[in-house]
């Protein structure tokens, strides 16, 4: 399985911090934000990794990470996203890299306490389809929210005003190679982006979306408030450890 970290976008919600650097290079406690998703993939046994970046500071990723020697890697792949087209648009840039393999996608601003090793192993044994990781949160209306019927997800609603479950879809997705065909059929949402929720709903319609609850705490770090929370959680309890 190959790993893809989506670290593009312009980070305008976090100005003025992101006027001089990419959002995913901001510090979360004692490490740059990008270290956390990268370590999560490495801890899950994924060594073939692509980072999708963008904006004016893409070269800083190469200066910081190089070929990933600090993470025990021999090589890291990079590609560049023009502008902001949404998560699915960023993922579409990874089709050549994926080369028909299954992929584990993680958003560059996601920080987790434990690891995703079990989910990756389960998905490797899954013949086809997709798997998402969810987590119970106090504010699900900020995220994509799964609508459950028994143990089955029947729909994912994007930032609903009245969430039908306490779960948020975390920024960790596992897909078979058909994800790229699905992305090609998507139309931009009201905010002009190709939405990952539409990708996941397409798998639901095929009856091929599995889900697991993520172990340990999880947070994004894409707002000032969640960046502070991520730093506090890492300082207090640690996150997925190096090595």
Protein backbone atom coordinates (compact mmCIF):
# COMPACT_ATOMS: atom_id res chain seq x y z
CA UNK A 1 0.00 0.00 0.00
CA UNK A 2 1.16 3.52 -0.77
CA UNK A 3 0.75 6.59 1.41
CA UNK A 4 -0.35 10.06 0.33
CA UNK A 5 -0.21 13.20 2.49
CA UNK A 6 -2.33 16.11 1.25
CA UNK A 7 -0.56 19.30 2.28
CA UNK A 8 -1.59 21.73 -0.45
CA UNK A 9 -3.94 24.70 -0.28
CA UNK A 10 -3.07 28.30 0.52
CA UNK A 11 -3.91 28.30 4.24
CA UNK A 12 -5.65 31.68 4.06
CA UNK A 13 -7.74 30.93 7.17
CA UNK A 14 -4.52 31.09 9.18
CA UNK A 15 -3.17 34.45 8.05
CA UNK A 16 -0.91 36.11 9.10
CA UNK A 17 0.97 32.92 10.09
CA UNK A 18 0.71 31.49 6.59
CA UNK A 19 1.88 34.65 4.84
CA UNK A 20 5.44 33.42 5.31
CA UNK A 21 5.13 29.65 5.35
CA UNK A 22 2.89 26.73 4.41
CA UNK A 23 0.27 25.85 7.06
CA UNK A 24 1.59 22.30 7.29
CA UNK A 25 5.02 23.56 8.36
CA UNK A 26 3.68 25.45 11.39
CA UNK A 27 4.80 24.02 14.75
CA UNK A 28 2.62 21.59 16.68
CA UNK A 29 4.35 21.63 20.06
CA UNK A 30 7.93 20.57 19.26
CA UNK A 31 7.67 19.44 15.62
CA UNK A 32 6.44 20.80 12.28
CA UNK A 33 2.83 19.78 11.61
CA UNK A 34 3.79 17.63 8.59
CA UNK A 35 5.83 15.32 10.84
CA UNK A 36 2.70 13.88 12.47
CA UNK A 37 0.89 12.47 9.39
CA UNK A 38 4.21 11.33 7.96
CA UNK A 39 5.03 9.43 11.15
CA UNK A 40 1.51 7.95 11.20
CA UNK A 41 2.09 6.39 7.77
CA UNK A 42 5.57 5.13 8.68
CA UNK A 43 4.25 3.60 11.92
CA UNK A 44 1.63 1.75 9.86
CA UNK A 45 4.40 0.17 7.78
CA UNK A 46 3.91 2.40 4.73
CA UNK A 47 7.24 3.47 3.25
CA UNK A 48 6.28 4.56 -0.28
CA UNK A 49 4.93 8.08 0.33
CA UNK A 50 3.87 11.06 -1.78
CA UNK A 51 3.40 14.57 -0.39
CA UNK A 52 1.03 16.81 -2.36
CA UNK A 53 1.92 20.40 -1.58
CA UNK A 54 1.21 23.84 -3.03
CA UNK A 55 1.40 27.58 -2.45
CA UNK A 56 4.55 29.70 -2.40
CA UNK A 57 6.57 27.61 0.02
CA UNK A 58 6.49 24.13 -1.50
CA UNK A 59 10.28 24.03 -1.66
CA UNK A 60 10.44 24.30 2.12
CA UNK A 61 9.06 20.73 2.40
CA UNK A 62 12.07 19.45 0.48
CA UNK A 63 14.44 21.49 2.63
CA UNK A 64 12.80 20.18 5.82
CA UNK A 65 12.19 16.53 4.94
CA UNK A 66 14.60 15.74 2.12
CA UNK A 67 14.22 12.05 1.30
CA UNK A 68 12.85 11.20 4.74
CA UNK A 69 16.01 9.80 6.29
CA UNK A 70 14.91 11.03 9.73
CA UNK A 71 11.86 8.76 9.38
CA UNK A 72 13.80 5.74 8.20
CA UNK A 73 12.80 6.30 4.57
CA UNK A 74 15.00 6.08 1.50
CA UNK A 75 12.85 8.35 -0.64
CA UNK A 76 9.88 10.73 -0.48
CA UNK A 77 7.90 11.72 -3.58
CA UNK A 78 6.54 15.24 -4.04
CA UNK A 79 3.99 16.81 -6.37
CA UNK A 80 2.53 20.32 -6.65
CA UNK A 81 -1.10 21.48 -6.52
CA UNK A 82 -1.95 24.73 -8.28
CA UNK A 83 -4.32 26.89 -6.22
CA UNK A 84 -7.07 25.35 -4.08
CA UNK A 85 -9.37 22.80 -5.69
CA UNK A 86 -10.39 20.73 -2.69
CA UNK A 87 -9.18 17.47 -1.16
CA UNK A 88 -10.38 15.30 -4.05
CA UNK A 89 -8.65 17.55 -6.59
CA UNK A 90 -5.41 17.28 -4.63
CA UNK A 91 -5.77 13.51 -4.45
CA UNK A 92 -6.28 13.28 -8.21
CA UNK A 93 -2.65 14.41 -8.63
CA UNK A 94 -1.54 11.11 -7.04
CA UNK A 95 -2.97 8.81 -9.73
CA UNK A 96 0.34 8.24 -11.49
CA UNK A 97 2.10 7.65 -8.16
CA UNK A 98 -0.54 5.17 -6.95
CA UNK A 99 -0.03 3.07 -10.08
CA UNK A 100 -3.10 0.88 -9.38
CA UNK A 101 -2.08 0.12 -5.78
CA UNK A 102 -4.32 0.67 -2.76
CA UNK A 103 -3.63 3.95 -1.02
CA UNK A 104 -3.80 5.40 2.48
CA UNK A 105 -4.55 9.13 2.36
CA UNK A 106 -4.02 11.41 5.34
CA UNK A 107 -4.57 15.15 5.52
CA UNK A 108 -1.45 17.10 6.36
CA UNK A 109 -3.06 18.84 9.34
CA UNK A 110 -4.19 15.67 11.12
CA UNK A 111 -2.55 14.71 14.42
CA UNK A 112 -3.31 11.38 16.10
CA UNK A 113 -2.29 9.90 19.43
CA UNK A 114 -2.00 6.20 18.55
CA UNK A 115 -1.55 4.58 15.12
CA UNK A 116 -3.54 3.25 12.17
CA UNK A 117 -1.67 -0.02 11.77
CA UNK A 118 -4.75 -2.20 12.42
CA UNK A 119 -6.91 -0.32 9.89
CA UNK A 120 -4.20 -0.52 7.23
CA UNK A 121 -3.80 -4.27 7.76
CA UNK A 122 -7.58 -4.80 7.64
CA UNK A 123 -7.88 -2.80 4.43
CA UNK A 124 -5.01 -4.67 2.81
CA UNK A 125 -7.15 -7.82 3.24
CA UNK A 126 -10.26 -6.09 1.86
CA UNK A 127 -10.83 -7.06 -1.77
CA UNK A 128 -12.10 -3.68 -2.96
CA UNK A 129 -13.74 -0.45 -1.88
CA UNK A 130 -12.79 2.09 0.74
CA UNK A 131 -12.42 2.55 4.48
CA UNK A 132 -12.71 5.71 6.56
CA UNK A 133 -11.63 6.41 10.11
CA UNK A 134 -14.14 8.18 12.37
CA UNK A 135 -13.91 9.64 15.86
CA UNK A 136 -16.51 10.81 18.36
CA UNK A 137 -16.14 14.57 18.84
CA UNK A 138 -17.99 17.30 20.76
CA UNK A 139 -18.46 19.44 17.62
CA UNK A 140 -19.25 17.11 14.68
CA UNK A 141 -20.90 19.97 12.76
CA UNK A 142 -17.39 21.18 11.86
CA UNK A 143 -16.73 18.01 9.86
CA UNK A 144 -18.18 15.39 7.57
CA UNK A 145 -20.60 13.35 9.70
CA UNK A 146 -21.60 9.72 9.01
CA UNK A 147 -25.31 8.88 9.12
CA UNK A 148 -25.62 5.39 10.60
CA UNK A 149 -28.26 2.73 10.13
CA UNK A 150 -27.28 0.04 12.59
CA UNK A 151 -23.61 -0.62 11.91
CA UNK A 152 -23.77 0.66 8.35
CA UNK A 153 -22.97 4.17 7.10
CA UNK A 154 -25.76 5.13 4.70
CA UNK A 155 -24.56 8.67 3.96
CA UNK A 156 -21.98 11.25 4.94
CA UNK A 157 -23.22 14.80 5.44
CA UNK A 158 -20.75 17.65 5.07
CA UNK A 159 -20.80 20.07 8.04
CA UNK A 160 -24.48 19.50 8.92
CA UNK A 161 -26.23 22.00 11.20
CA UNK A 162 -27.98 19.08 12.94
CA UNK A 163 -25.51 16.14 12.99
CA UNK A 164 -27.17 12.71 12.98
CA UNK A 165 -24.29 11.03 14.82
CA UNK A 166 -21.57 12.17 17.25
CA UNK A 167 -18.82 11.05 14.85
CA UNK A 168 -16.55 13.10 12.63
CA UNK A 169 -14.93 11.65 9.54
CA UNK A 170 -11.24 12.14 10.27
CA UNK A 171 -8.82 13.05 7.52
CA UNK A 172 -7.67 9.45 7.09
CA UNK A 173 -9.00 7.53 4.08
CA UNK A 174 -8.10 4.18 2.52
CA UNK A 175 -9.06 3.60 -1.11
CA UNK A 176 -8.71 1.10 -3.87
CA UNK A 177 -7.50 2.41 -7.22
CA UNK A 178 -10.99 3.16 -8.50
CA UNK A 179 -10.97 6.32 -6.40
CA UNK A 180 -9.36 8.14 -9.33
CA UNK A 181 -12.18 7.15 -11.69
CA UNK A 182 -14.69 8.40 -9.11
CA UNK A 183 -12.91 11.75 -8.80
CA UNK A 184 -13.13 12.23 -12.57
CA UNK A 185 -16.95 12.07 -12.33
CA UNK A 186 -17.25 14.70 -9.58
CA UNK A 187 -18.62 18.19 -10.07
CA UNK A 188 -17.44 21.13 -7.94
CA UNK A 189 -19.47 21.83 -4.81
CA UNK A 190 -21.05 25.17 -3.90
CA UNK A 191 -17.65 26.38 -2.73
CA UNK A 192 -16.07 25.45 -6.05
CA UNK A 193 -14.14 22.42 -4.82
CA UNK A 194 -14.10 18.68 -5.48
CA UNK A 195 -15.19 17.26 -2.14
CA UNK A 196 -13.84 14.10 -0.51
CA UNK A 197 -17.31 13.60 1.03
CA UNK A 198 -18.62 13.06 -2.51
CA UNK A 199 -15.92 10.44 -3.08
CA UNK A 200 -16.91 8.59 0.09
CA UNK A 201 -20.62 8.80 -0.75
CA UNK A 202 -19.87 7.25 -4.15
CA UNK A 203 -18.35 4.24 -2.36
CA UNK A 204 -21.41 4.11 -0.06
CA UNK A 205 -23.67 3.92 -3.13
CA UNK A 206 -21.64 0.92 -4.31
CA UNK A 207 -22.00 -0.67 -0.86
CA UNK A 208 -18.21 -0.65 -0.49
CA UNK A 209 -17.41 1.76 2.33
CA UNK A 210 -16.09 0.24 5.56
CA UNK A 211 -15.37 2.24 8.71
CA UNK A 212 -13.43 2.00 11.93
CA UNK A 213 -13.28 4.17 15.04
CA UNK A 214 -9.83 5.67 15.47
CA UNK A 215 -8.06 4.68 18.68
CA UNK A 216 -6.79 7.45 20.96
CA UNK A 217 -7.34 11.17 20.49
CA UNK A 218 -7.43 12.90 17.11
CA UNK A 219 -7.51 16.51 16.05
CA UNK A 220 -7.00 18.55 12.95
CA UNK A 221 -4.75 21.59 13.29
CA UNK A 222 -6.23 23.72 10.53
CA UNK A 223 -7.60 26.58 12.64
CA UNK A 224 -5.97 28.71 15.32
CA UNK A 225 -8.08 26.95 17.97
CA UNK A 226 -7.35 23.41 16.78
CA UNK A 227 -3.65 24.21 16.28
CA UNK A 228 -3.46 25.27 19.92
CA UNK A 229 -5.42 22.17 20.99
CA UNK A 230 -3.13 19.88 18.99
CA UNK A 231 -0.04 21.41 20.63
CA UNK A 232 -1.58 20.99 24.09
CA UNK A 233 -2.54 17.36 23.45
CA UNK A 234 0.93 16.49 22.15
CA UNK A 235 2.57 18.26 25.10
CA UNK A 236 0.35 16.48 27.63
CA UNK A 237 0.08 12.96 26.21
CA UNK A 238 2.39 12.66 23.21
CA UNK A 239 1.45 11.60 19.69
CA UNK A 240 2.44 8.72 17.39
CA UNK A 241 6.06 8.23 18.35
CA UNK A 242 9.06 8.42 16.07
CA UNK A 243 10.49 5.02 15.23
